Amino acid sequence: MFFLRMLLAAARSLRANFVRSILAILGIVIGVGTVISAMGVVEGATRDLVRDMSKVGSNVLWVRPGSTRRGGVTIASVKPLSPEDVDDMLDEPSVAAAAPEILRFDQIKYGAKNEYGQVVGTREEFFDVFSYEAASGRTLNRADTIARRRVAVLGSDMAKDLFDKRSPLGEQIRIARDAFTVVGVLKEKGVVGFANFDKQVYVPITRVMAMYNVRTLSQISVRGEDRYEMEETRSAAAAVLRRKHRLQLGESDDFTVTSQKEMFEQFSKMIRIMQSLFFAVSGISLIVGGFGIMNIMLVSVTERTREIGVRMAVGAYRGDIMAQFLGESSMICVVGAPLGIALGWFINRLVEIRLAPLKPILASDIVLIAVGVAIATGIVSGLYPAWRASRLNPVDALRYE
């Protein structure tokens, strides 16, 4: 009963000082909204990372030119990768499939529609490495590569963006200055790492070499024969490149082999950094909101000095005065928390729309944590003003003008 009376008194006091209360509530709304959106984005990114990595499979490696060491990438004596490197890797028993890749971003046009996406120059082995199947039509074949055919296979999103609900098969699209005939549309794959497979266009690597006048590879994707023997596959791929690049015993690799596990760790580290940054911003917002509550409550104590004196004169204990002001500071947070949750939900939906396919998560535990932090902020921020109010001398308070 006492607790209810305290809350009602706090509500009346806040209503009497409406503008001041709104300013204090606004700080909590921003703080809670930031916490909700930050945790939602981090949780969503983590979930998507685990899901997307599972799509690739645990038996995939990526080989890129340049040696990554502690502190950065070693540029000196970097040797490019070539399609011949892939052919030699395929001779290794532990390598089930390997595919060369040349990656370029370019405009993909169909009629009046113009989409910006990644052009992947590759061979037929690419679709074996990633277990990538055609939803309609076919994938690239060896004849496409040998004849340098102007044919293209579209990711599912690229097909929808260019053709809506029409069938793209047999239609012509333009990449750079060349026209390509669409021979296939792939099943939905999603985002893997930073690459949205569904937004890509796959063309024969020999055609890409001619289009962009390049002879070296961006990377090589390798699938191991046995996911439990990936170290053997890694060693085999590295041995091939060391032999091809004529590296002597003791010389460092001039290439980097990255496993799915290592890629997962890299992305997890990035997510943790992002999480720390978001939480720092959230913490600052709540601290600013807390100081706002404290300052407003201190002003309130000063303005209501006579009221405090009257209450003490008619028998109120110091604990009653302290409870009243703590109730007011907590009430600010109780009102601000739901509004902050609504703000966080709105930010998450905005992120989902603008940064698709990232989908932030608004889980119940996130909401409870945010509300708990908000109430704790209100209590901590109100402690000093409440203590100061409770320590006023009743006689001096009654004389205050």
Protein backbone atom coordinates (compact mmCIF):
# COMPACT_ATOMS: atom_id res chain seq x y z
CA MET A 1 0.00 0.00 0.00
CA PHE A 2 2.85 2.35 0.89
CA PHE A 3 4.54 1.58 -2.43
CA LEU A 4 1.34 2.38 -4.35
CA ARG A 5 0.90 5.69 -2.49
CA MET A 6 4.51 6.55 -3.25
CA LEU A 7 4.02 5.93 -6.97
CA LEU A 8 0.80 7.95 -7.06
CA ALA A 9 2.52 10.84 -5.31
CA ALA A 10 5.42 10.60 -7.76
CA ALA A 11 3.00 10.63 -10.71
CA ARG A 12 1.25 13.74 -9.38
CA SER A 13 4.58 15.48 -8.90
CA LEU A 14 5.74 14.64 -12.42
CA ARG A 15 2.45 15.85 -13.88
CA ALA A 16 2.82 19.13 -12.01
CA ASN A 17 6.28 19.62 -13.58
CA PHE A 18 5.32 18.38 -17.03
CA VAL A 19 7.95 20.03 -19.26
CA ARG A 20 10.82 19.14 -16.94
CA SER A 21 9.56 15.56 -16.70
CA ILE A 22 9.34 15.24 -20.50
CA LEU A 23 12.97 16.33 -20.87
CA ALA A 24 14.10 13.74 -18.33
CA ILE A 25 11.98 11.01 -19.92
CA LEU A 26 13.44 11.84 -23.35
CA GLY A 27 16.96 10.99 -22.15
CA ILE A 28 15.79 7.56 -20.96
CA VAL A 29 13.84 6.95 -24.17
CA ILE A 30 16.96 7.57 -26.26
CA GLY A 31 19.11 5.42 -23.96
CA VAL A 32 16.71 2.45 -23.89
CA GLY A 33 16.03 2.74 -27.62
CA THR A 34 19.75 2.62 -28.32
CA VAL A 35 20.21 -0.45 -26.09
CA ILE A 36 17.29 -2.25 -27.75
CA SER A 37 18.46 -1.49 -31.30
CA ALA A 38 22.13 -2.26 -30.54
CA MET A 39 21.42 -5.63 -28.95
CA GLY A 40 18.88 -6.46 -31.65
CA VAL A 41 21.34 -5.75 -34.46
CA VAL A 42 24.12 -7.74 -32.76
CA GLU A 43 21.83 -10.71 -32.06
CA GLY A 44 20.51 -10.64 -35.62
CA ALA A 45 24.00 -10.41 -37.12
CA THR A 46 25.21 -13.33 -34.98
CA ARG A 47 22.24 -15.49 -35.98
CA ASP A 48 22.72 -14.66 -39.66
CA LEU A 49 26.44 -15.40 -39.43
CA VAL A 50 25.86 -18.88 -37.99
CA ARG A 51 23.13 -19.61 -40.54
CA ASP A 52 25.11 -18.36 -43.53
CA MET A 53 28.28 -20.19 -42.57
CA SER A 54 26.31 -23.42 -42.28
CA LYS A 55 25.12 -22.96 -45.88
CA VAL A 56 28.70 -23.01 -47.16
CA GLY A 57 29.65 -26.19 -45.36
CA SER A 58 32.54 -26.85 -43.02
CA ASN A 59 34.72 -28.33 -45.77
CA VAL A 60 35.35 -25.16 -47.80
CA LEU A 61 38.60 -23.16 -47.98
CA TRP A 62 39.38 -19.84 -49.68
CA VAL A 63 42.80 -19.10 -51.15
CA ARG A 64 43.74 -15.47 -51.84
CA PRO A 65 46.96 -13.80 -53.03
CA GLY A 66 49.09 -12.10 -50.38
CA SER A 67 50.26 -13.34 -47.00
CA THR A 68 48.26 -12.23 -43.96
CA ARG A 69 50.38 -11.99 -40.85
CA ARG A 70 49.95 -10.42 -37.45
CA GLY A 71 49.64 -6.70 -37.97
CA GLY A 72 48.39 -6.77 -41.54
CA VAL A 73 49.02 -8.01 -45.06
CA THR A 74 52.52 -8.51 -46.39
CA ILE A 75 52.62 -6.89 -49.83
CA ALA A 76 56.19 -7.73 -50.84
CA SER A 77 56.73 -10.50 -53.39
CA VAL A 78 53.02 -11.25 -53.77
CA LYS A 79 52.50 -13.62 -56.68
CA PRO A 80 49.12 -13.76 -58.43
CA LEU A 81 46.93 -16.83 -58.58
CA SER A 82 46.16 -18.41 -61.95
CA PRO A 83 43.66 -20.95 -63.34
CA GLU A 84 46.58 -23.38 -63.69
CA ASP A 85 46.93 -23.34 -59.89
CA VAL A 86 43.37 -24.63 -59.68
CA ASP A 87 44.08 -27.43 -62.15
CA ASP A 88 47.03 -28.61 -60.05
CA MET A 89 44.95 -28.51 -56.86
CA LEU A 90 42.34 -30.75 -58.47
CA ASP A 91 45.00 -33.45 -58.83
CA GLU A 92 45.28 -33.69 -55.02
CA PRO A 93 43.32 -36.63 -53.50
CA SER A 94 42.10 -34.55 -50.54
CA VAL A 95 40.60 -31.87 -52.83
CA ALA A 96 37.07 -32.72 -53.98
CA ALA A 97 36.55 -29.56 -56.04
CA ALA A 98 38.26 -26.23 -56.67
CA ALA A 99 37.11 -23.20 -58.63
CA PRO A 100 38.88 -20.07 -59.88
CA GLU A 101 37.13 -16.75 -59.33
CA ILE A 102 37.56 -13.28 -60.79
CA LEU A 103 35.33 -10.79 -58.97
CA ARG A 104 34.18 -7.47 -60.41
CA PHE A 105 31.38 -5.06 -59.53
CA ASP A 106 29.53 -3.68 -62.52
CA GLN A 107 26.20 -2.54 -63.93
CA ILE A 108 23.90 -5.33 -65.10
CA LYS A 109 21.25 -4.07 -67.51
CA TYR A 110 18.06 -5.50 -68.97
CA GLY A 111 15.96 -3.11 -71.02
CA ALA A 112 15.32 -0.04 -68.90
CA LYS A 113 16.35 -1.79 -65.68
CA ASN A 114 19.82 -1.27 -64.31
CA GLU A 115 21.17 -3.18 -61.29
CA TYR A 116 24.58 -2.93 -59.62
CA GLY A 117 25.96 -6.29 -58.59
CA GLN A 118 28.96 -8.58 -58.44
CA VAL A 119 30.07 -10.31 -61.62
CA VAL A 120 31.78 -13.63 -60.87
CA GLY A 121 33.96 -15.07 -63.57
CA THR A 122 34.33 -18.77 -62.82
CA ARG A 123 34.10 -22.32 -64.16
CA GLU A 124 31.71 -25.22 -63.75
CA GLU A 125 33.53 -26.43 -60.59
CA PHE A 126 32.27 -23.39 -58.65
CA PHE A 127 28.79 -24.87 -58.35
CA ASP A 128 30.25 -28.14 -57.03
CA VAL A 129 32.30 -26.34 -54.38
CA PHE A 130 29.25 -24.61 -52.90
CA SER A 131 26.63 -27.24 -53.79
CA TYR A 132 24.87 -24.54 -55.77
CA GLU A 133 21.98 -25.82 -57.93
CA ALA A 134 19.92 -24.26 -60.70
CA ALA A 135 16.26 -23.51 -59.98
CA SER A 136 15.65 -23.24 -63.72
CA GLY A 137 17.84 -23.71 -66.75
CA ARG A 138 21.42 -24.80 -66.10
CA THR A 139 24.71 -23.74 -64.57
CA LEU A 140 27.95 -23.07 -66.47
CA ASN A 141 29.65 -25.98 -68.20
CA ARG A 142 33.09 -26.73 -69.58
CA ALA A 143 32.08 -25.86 -73.14
CA ASP A 144 31.10 -22.34 -72.00
CA THR A 145 34.59 -21.79 -70.63
CA ILE A 146 36.46 -23.24 -73.61
CA ALA A 147 34.41 -21.30 -76.18
CA ARG A 148 34.35 -18.08 -74.08
CA ARG A 149 30.59 -17.99 -74.53
CA ARG A 150 28.57 -14.92 -73.64
CA VAL A 151 26.24 -16.78 -71.29
CA ALA A 152 25.20 -15.87 -67.76
CA VAL A 153 23.67 -17.59 -64.75
CA LEU A 154 21.74 -15.30 -62.38
CA GLY A 155 21.39 -15.41 -58.62
CA SER A 156 17.76 -15.53 -57.48
CA ASP A 157 17.62 -11.88 -56.30
CA MET A 158 19.28 -10.58 -59.46
CA ALA A 159 16.73 -12.48 -61.56
CA LYS A 160 13.83 -10.97 -59.58
CA ASP A 161 15.27 -7.44 -59.73
CA LEU A 162 15.79 -7.55 -63.49
CA PHE A 163 12.85 -9.66 -64.65
CA ASP A 164 10.27 -9.49 -61.83
CA LYS A 165 8.14 -12.63 -62.29
CA ARG A 166 9.09 -13.26 -65.92
CA SER A 167 11.38 -16.13 -66.88
CA PRO A 168 14.87 -14.81 -67.71
CA LEU A 169 15.86 -17.90 -69.69
CA GLY A 170 16.91 -17.00 -73.22
CA GLU A 171 16.78 -13.26 -72.52
CA GLN A 172 19.79 -11.01 -73.03
CA ILE A 173 21.38 -8.82 -70.38
CA ARG A 174 24.29 -6.40 -70.74
CA ILE A 175 27.40 -6.39 -68.55
CA ALA A 176 29.84 -3.60 -69.37
CA ARG A 177 29.72 -3.49 -73.19
CA ASP A 178 28.92 -7.16 -73.76
CA ALA A 179 25.54 -8.85 -74.21
CA PHE A 180 24.97 -12.16 -72.42
CA THR A 181 22.25 -14.76 -72.85
CA VAL A 182 20.74 -15.98 -69.57
CA VAL A 183 20.95 -19.78 -69.42
CA GLY A 184 20.04 -20.38 -65.79
CA VAL A 185 18.71 -19.04 -62.49
CA LEU A 186 20.10 -20.42 -59.24
CA LYS A 187 18.27 -21.52 -56.12
CA GLU A 188 18.28 -19.09 -53.22
CA LYS A 189 21.54 -19.23 -51.27
CA GLY A 190 21.67 -16.06 -49.20
CA VAL A 191 24.58 -14.06 -47.84
CA VAL A 192 27.88 -15.81 -47.15
CA GLY A 193 30.36 -13.53 -45.45
CA PHE A 194 30.11 -10.20 -47.25
CA ALA A 195 28.94 -11.78 -50.52
CA ASN A 196 25.26 -11.96 -51.38
CA PHE A 197 25.26 -15.02 -53.64
CA ASP A 198 21.70 -14.26 -54.75
CA LYS A 199 22.72 -10.85 -56.10
CA GLN A 200 25.58 -12.17 -58.22
CA VAL A 201 25.89 -12.95 -61.93
CA TYR A 202 28.06 -15.90 -62.97
CA VAL A 203 29.77 -15.93 -66.36
CA PRO A 204 32.59 -18.01 -67.89
CA ILE A 205 35.95 -16.95 -66.49
CA THR A 206 37.49 -16.80 -69.96
CA ARG A 207 34.88 -14.23 -71.02
CA VAL A 208 35.57 -12.11 -67.91
CA MET A 209 39.30 -12.21 -68.65
CA ALA A 210 38.60 -10.81 -72.12
CA MET A 211 36.07 -8.22 -70.89
CA TYR A 212 38.23 -6.72 -68.15
CA ASN A 213 41.65 -7.59 -69.63
CA VAL A 214 42.77 -9.54 -66.54
CA ARG A 215 44.69 -12.79 -66.27
CA THR A 216 44.95 -13.27 -62.51
CA LEU A 217 42.41 -14.58 -60.02
CA SER A 218 40.74 -12.79 -57.13
CA GLN A 219 40.55 -16.04 -55.17
CA ILE A 220 40.24 -19.82 -55.37
CA SER A 221 37.46 -21.70 -53.57
CA VAL A 222 38.34 -25.24 -52.50
CA ARG A 223 36.10 -28.01 -51.15
CA GLY A 224 37.76 -30.79 -49.19
CA GLU A 225 36.99 -34.46 -49.70
CA ASP A 226 36.35 -34.97 -45.97
CA ARG A 227 35.27 -32.21 -43.57
CA TYR A 228 37.12 -33.99 -40.76
CA GLU A 229 40.39 -33.88 -42.74
CA MET A 230 40.43 -30.20 -43.70
CA GLU A 231 43.96 -29.69 -42.40
CA GLU A 232 45.12 -32.23 -44.97
CA THR A 233 43.23 -30.35 -47.69
CA ARG A 234 44.71 -27.07 -46.50
CA SER A 235 48.23 -28.49 -46.52
CA ALA A 236 47.72 -29.96 -50.00
CA ALA A 237 46.49 -26.64 -51.44
CA ALA A 238 49.36 -24.76 -49.78
CA ALA A 239 51.91 -27.30 -51.05
CA VAL A 240 50.67 -26.89 -54.62
CA LEU A 241 51.02 -23.11 -54.48
CA ARG A 242 54.41 -23.19 -52.78
CA ARG A 243 55.66 -25.52 -55.50
CA LYS A 244 54.12 -23.44 -58.29
CA HIS A 245 55.48 -20.21 -56.81
CA ARG A 246 58.90 -21.81 -56.21
CA LEU A 247 59.04 -20.90 -52.54
CA GLN A 248 62.05 -22.29 -50.71
CA LEU A 249 62.02 -23.98 -47.31
CA GLY A 250 61.76 -21.27 -44.67
CA GLU A 251 60.21 -18.70 -47.02
CA SER A 252 56.81 -17.36 -46.01
CA ASP A 253 53.73 -18.12 -48.08
CA ASP A 254 52.79 -15.45 -50.61
CA PHE A 255 49.14 -16.47 -50.36
CA THR A 256 46.54 -16.90 -47.63
CA VAL A 257 44.41 -19.97 -47.02
CA THR A 258 41.31 -19.25 -44.93
CA SER A 259 39.05 -21.94 -43.53
CA GLN A 260 35.39 -21.55 -42.69
CA LYS A 261 36.29 -21.66 -38.99
CA GLU A 262 38.80 -18.82 -39.42
CA MET A 263 36.31 -16.78 -41.42
CA PHE A 264 33.71 -17.36 -38.71
CA GLU A 265 36.19 -16.14 -36.08
CA GLN A 266 36.99 -13.04 -38.14
CA PHE A 267 33.33 -12.13 -38.52
CA SER A 268 32.67 -12.90 -34.85
CA LYS A 269 35.47 -10.51 -33.91
CA MET A 270 33.92 -7.82 -36.11
CA ILE A 271 30.54 -8.39 -34.48
CA ARG A 272 32.10 -8.12 -31.01
CA ILE A 273 33.74 -4.83 -31.99
CA MET A 274 30.42 -3.58 -33.33
CA GLN A 275 28.74 -4.77 -30.13
CA SER A 276 31.25 -2.90 -27.96
CA LEU A 277 30.75 0.25 -30.02
CA PHE A 278 26.96 0.03 -29.77
CA PHE A 279 27.07 -0.62 -26.04
CA ALA A 280 29.43 2.33 -25.55
CA VAL A 281 26.95 4.60 -27.36
CA SER A 282 24.08 3.09 -25.34
CA GLY A 283 25.99 3.57 -22.10
CA ILE A 284 26.76 7.19 -22.92
CA SER A 285 23.09 7.80 -23.76
CA LEU A 286 21.94 6.32 -20.45
CA ILE A 287 24.60 8.21 -18.49
CA VAL A 288 23.52 11.46 -20.12
CA GLY A 289 19.90 10.56 -19.38
CA GLY A 290 20.85 9.73 -15.79
CA PHE A 291 22.60 13.07 -15.31
CA GLY A 292 19.56 14.76 -16.80
CA ILE A 293 17.33 13.05 -14.23
CA MET A 294 19.71 13.96 -11.41
CA ASN A 295 19.87 17.64 -12.41
CA ILE A 296 16.11 17.87 -12.81
CA MET A 297 15.54 16.18 -9.46
CA LEU A 298 18.03 18.54 -7.77
CA VAL A 299 16.17 21.53 -9.20
CA SER A 300 12.93 19.93 -8.01
CA VAL A 301 14.34 19.54 -4.48
CA THR A 302 15.30 23.22 -4.43
CA GLU A 303 11.91 24.40 -5.74
CA ARG A 304 9.99 22.18 -3.30
CA THR A 305 12.01 22.97 -0.20
CA ARG A 306 8.99 24.44 1.63
CA GLU A 307 6.85 21.43 0.64
CA ILE A 308 9.50 19.12 2.12
CA GLY A 309 9.57 21.23 5.27
CA VAL A 310 5.78 21.05 5.63
CA ARG A 311 5.81 17.25 5.20
CA MET A 312 8.49 16.88 7.83
CA ALA A 313 6.62 19.22 10.17
CA VAL A 314 3.49 17.06 10.02
CA GLY A 315 5.39 13.88 10.79
CA ALA A 316 7.02 12.58 7.61
CA TYR A 317 10.23 10.66 8.26
CA ARG A 318 13.44 11.22 6.33
CA GLY A 319 12.90 7.80 4.75
CA ASP A 320 9.48 8.94 3.48
CA ILE A 321 11.02 11.99 1.80
CA MET A 322 13.78 9.90 0.27
CA ALA A 323 11.28 7.30 -0.97
CA GLN A 324 9.17 10.03 -2.58
CA PHE A 325 12.04 11.41 -4.66
CA LEU A 326 13.34 7.95 -5.53
CA GLY A 327 9.82 7.10 -6.66
CA GLU A 328 9.75 10.17 -8.91
CA SER A 329 13.10 9.34 -10.53
CA SER A 330 12.03 5.71 -10.99
CA MET A 331 8.68 6.81 -12.43
CA ILE A 332 10.54 8.79 -15.10
CA CYS A 333 12.27 5.57 -16.17
CA VAL A 334 9.10 3.46 -15.91
CA VAL A 335 7.41 5.87 -18.34
CA GLY A 336 10.49 6.22 -20.55
CA ALA A 337 11.27 2.49 -20.85
CA PRO A 338 8.19 1.49 -22.96
CA LEU A 339 8.71 4.50 -25.20
CA GLY A 340 12.37 3.50 -25.55
CA ILE A 341 11.33 -0.05 -26.46
CA ALA A 342 9.05 1.39 -29.17
CA LEU A 343 11.92 3.55 -30.44
CA GLY A 344 14.26 0.54 -30.49
CA TRP A 345 11.68 -1.51 -32.39
CA PHE A 346 11.31 1.28 -34.95
CA ILE A 347 15.10 1.55 -35.42
CA ASN A 348 15.34 -2.23 -35.86
CA ARG A 349 12.64 -2.18 -38.53
CA LEU A 350 14.45 0.68 -40.28
CA VAL A 351 17.70 -1.32 -40.20
CA GLU A 352 15.86 -4.36 -41.60
CA ILE A 353 14.51 -2.28 -44.50
CA ARG A 354 17.70 -0.36 -45.27
CA LEU A 355 20.26 -3.10 -44.58
CA ALA A 356 18.42 -6.18 -45.84
CA PRO A 357 18.96 -9.11 -45.46
CA LEU A 358 20.12 -8.20 -41.91
CA LYS A 359 17.18 -8.78 -39.54
CA PRO A 360 17.61 -7.46 -35.98
CA ILE A 361 16.03 -9.54 -33.20
CA LEU A 362 13.77 -8.04 -30.51
CA ALA A 363 13.87 -10.89 -27.99
CA SER A 364 12.12 -10.80 -24.60
CA ASP A 365 15.41 -11.05 -22.70
CA ILE A 366 16.70 -7.97 -24.56
CA VAL A 367 13.58 -6.04 -23.53
CA LEU A 368 13.92 -7.16 -19.90
CA ILE A 369 17.58 -6.15 -19.81
CA ALA A 370 16.79 -2.73 -21.28
CA VAL A 371 13.93 -2.12 -18.82
CA GLY A 372 16.10 -3.29 -15.91
CA VAL A 373 18.93 -0.97 -16.94
CA ALA A 374 16.48 1.93 -17.29
CA ILE A 375 15.00 1.43 -13.82
CA ALA A 376 18.47 1.02 -12.32
CA THR A 377 19.49 4.28 -14.01
CA GLY A 378 16.49 6.02 -12.46
CA ILE A 379 17.23 4.72 -8.97
CA VAL A 380 20.95 5.53 -9.12
CA SER A 381 20.28 8.99 -10.60
CA GLY A 382 17.72 9.76 -7.92
CA LEU A 383 19.79 8.64 -4.94
CA TYR A 384 21.70 11.87 -4.38
CA PRO A 385 18.73 14.25 -4.89
CA ALA A 386 16.59 12.02 -2.63
CA TRP A 387 19.30 11.92 0.05
CA ARG A 388 19.73 15.69 -0.18
CA ALA A 389 15.98 16.23 0.20
CA SER A 390 15.83 13.91 3.20
CA ARG A 391 18.68 15.76 4.96
CA LEU A 392 16.98 19.17 4.88
CA ASN A 393 16.37 20.80 8.25
CA PRO A 394 12.58 21.17 8.69
CA VAL A 395 12.89 24.62 10.31
CA ASP A 396 15.18 25.97 7.57
CA ALA A 397 12.97 24.39 4.91
CA LEU A 398 9.85 26.14 6.24
CA ARG A 399 11.69 29.50 6.18
CA TYR A 400 12.83 28.99 2.56
CA GLU A 401 11.40 31.53 0.10
